[in-house]
C-alpha cells in the first residue's frame, strides 16, 4: 500500500455518509470558519458570525486550540509514539497531525476520523503522509467506537498492542451529558496499550468574567439552536475525563498555557479568551 493510501468508496468499512446538509451548521465547518477557512456554507457562516458578534475572541481561542494540538502531538512524538488516532480531525488546516508527527519521525502513521463529507473529501486530497509514513481516514462519529476501532484503516495502520496517541481535541463538548462523554472516551482508552497518551481539549466557561459569561450563554443558545449541540464543562468535569490516566505536566490548563513555545499570539492571549482547557495524559 502506498504512503498516502486511502481506501476507495467501495470499502464497506469506510463508505462515507453523503448527507452533506449544507443548510444545517456542522461543528467542523464552524471551526473552519473560526480558523479563517473557506470550506463552510452560508448556514455555517451565519451561525458562526452570530457567535463572534457576541464573543469576538472565539476565533483567537480556536487558533490557540489549534496550536495546542500541534504542541501536544509533537510532545507525544518526542515520547517515541509513532501512531496517532485523531478523532474529530476537522477540515485540514495548518499543522495537521501527520505533518507535526512526521516532522519528528517520517514513519509516523495517522488515522483521521470525522463525520462530515467535506472533511472526507479534503482528507483524501490533503491529508497525505510522507513516503515512509501512512495516513488513513475513517468516516464515523466518535460515539461509534466499534466502527472506528474495527475499521480497515485502524486495523491496517495502527497496532493497538503498541503505544498510540488518541486525539480528542475540541471534540467531547459536542457530546451532551446524557450521552456520557467519559464513558465514550473510556471505551477508546480501554483499547490503548500502556505508554499510550490521550490528547484532549474541551470548551469551558470557567475562564470568563460575569459579563463574558452572559455573552457566552447567548452564544451557546445560538449554537445549540442551530443544531450543533455544545456543552462547556468546568475544570473539575474536564479533569474527570482523564480519570485512570496519569496527567503530564502542567496538567489540565487553558490551552495556550499547555507547554507554551513562545508563540506571540499565545503570549498575549488573555486567559478569558482561551475558551478551552487542554491536557495530555499517559496510560500506565
Foldseek 3Di string as FASTA:
>chain_A
DFQADEDDCVAPLANADPPQPLQFADPLQLLCVLCVHDPHHPLSVVLSVLLCVLPVLQSLLSVLLLVLLLVVLLVLLVLVAQEEEAEPQGADDPRGSQVSNVVSPQQREYEYEEAHVVNVVRCSVPVGGDRNYHYYYHRDHLQCVCSVCVGPCNVPRHDQQDAYEYEQEQHLQQPDPVSPSLVSLVVVVVSHHFFHKYKYKFFAQVQADPSSVVSVVVSQVSCVVSPRHGHHDDPVVVLVSQPQWAWDPPGKDQSLPGPHDPDPSSVPDRSNSNRMIITMTGHD
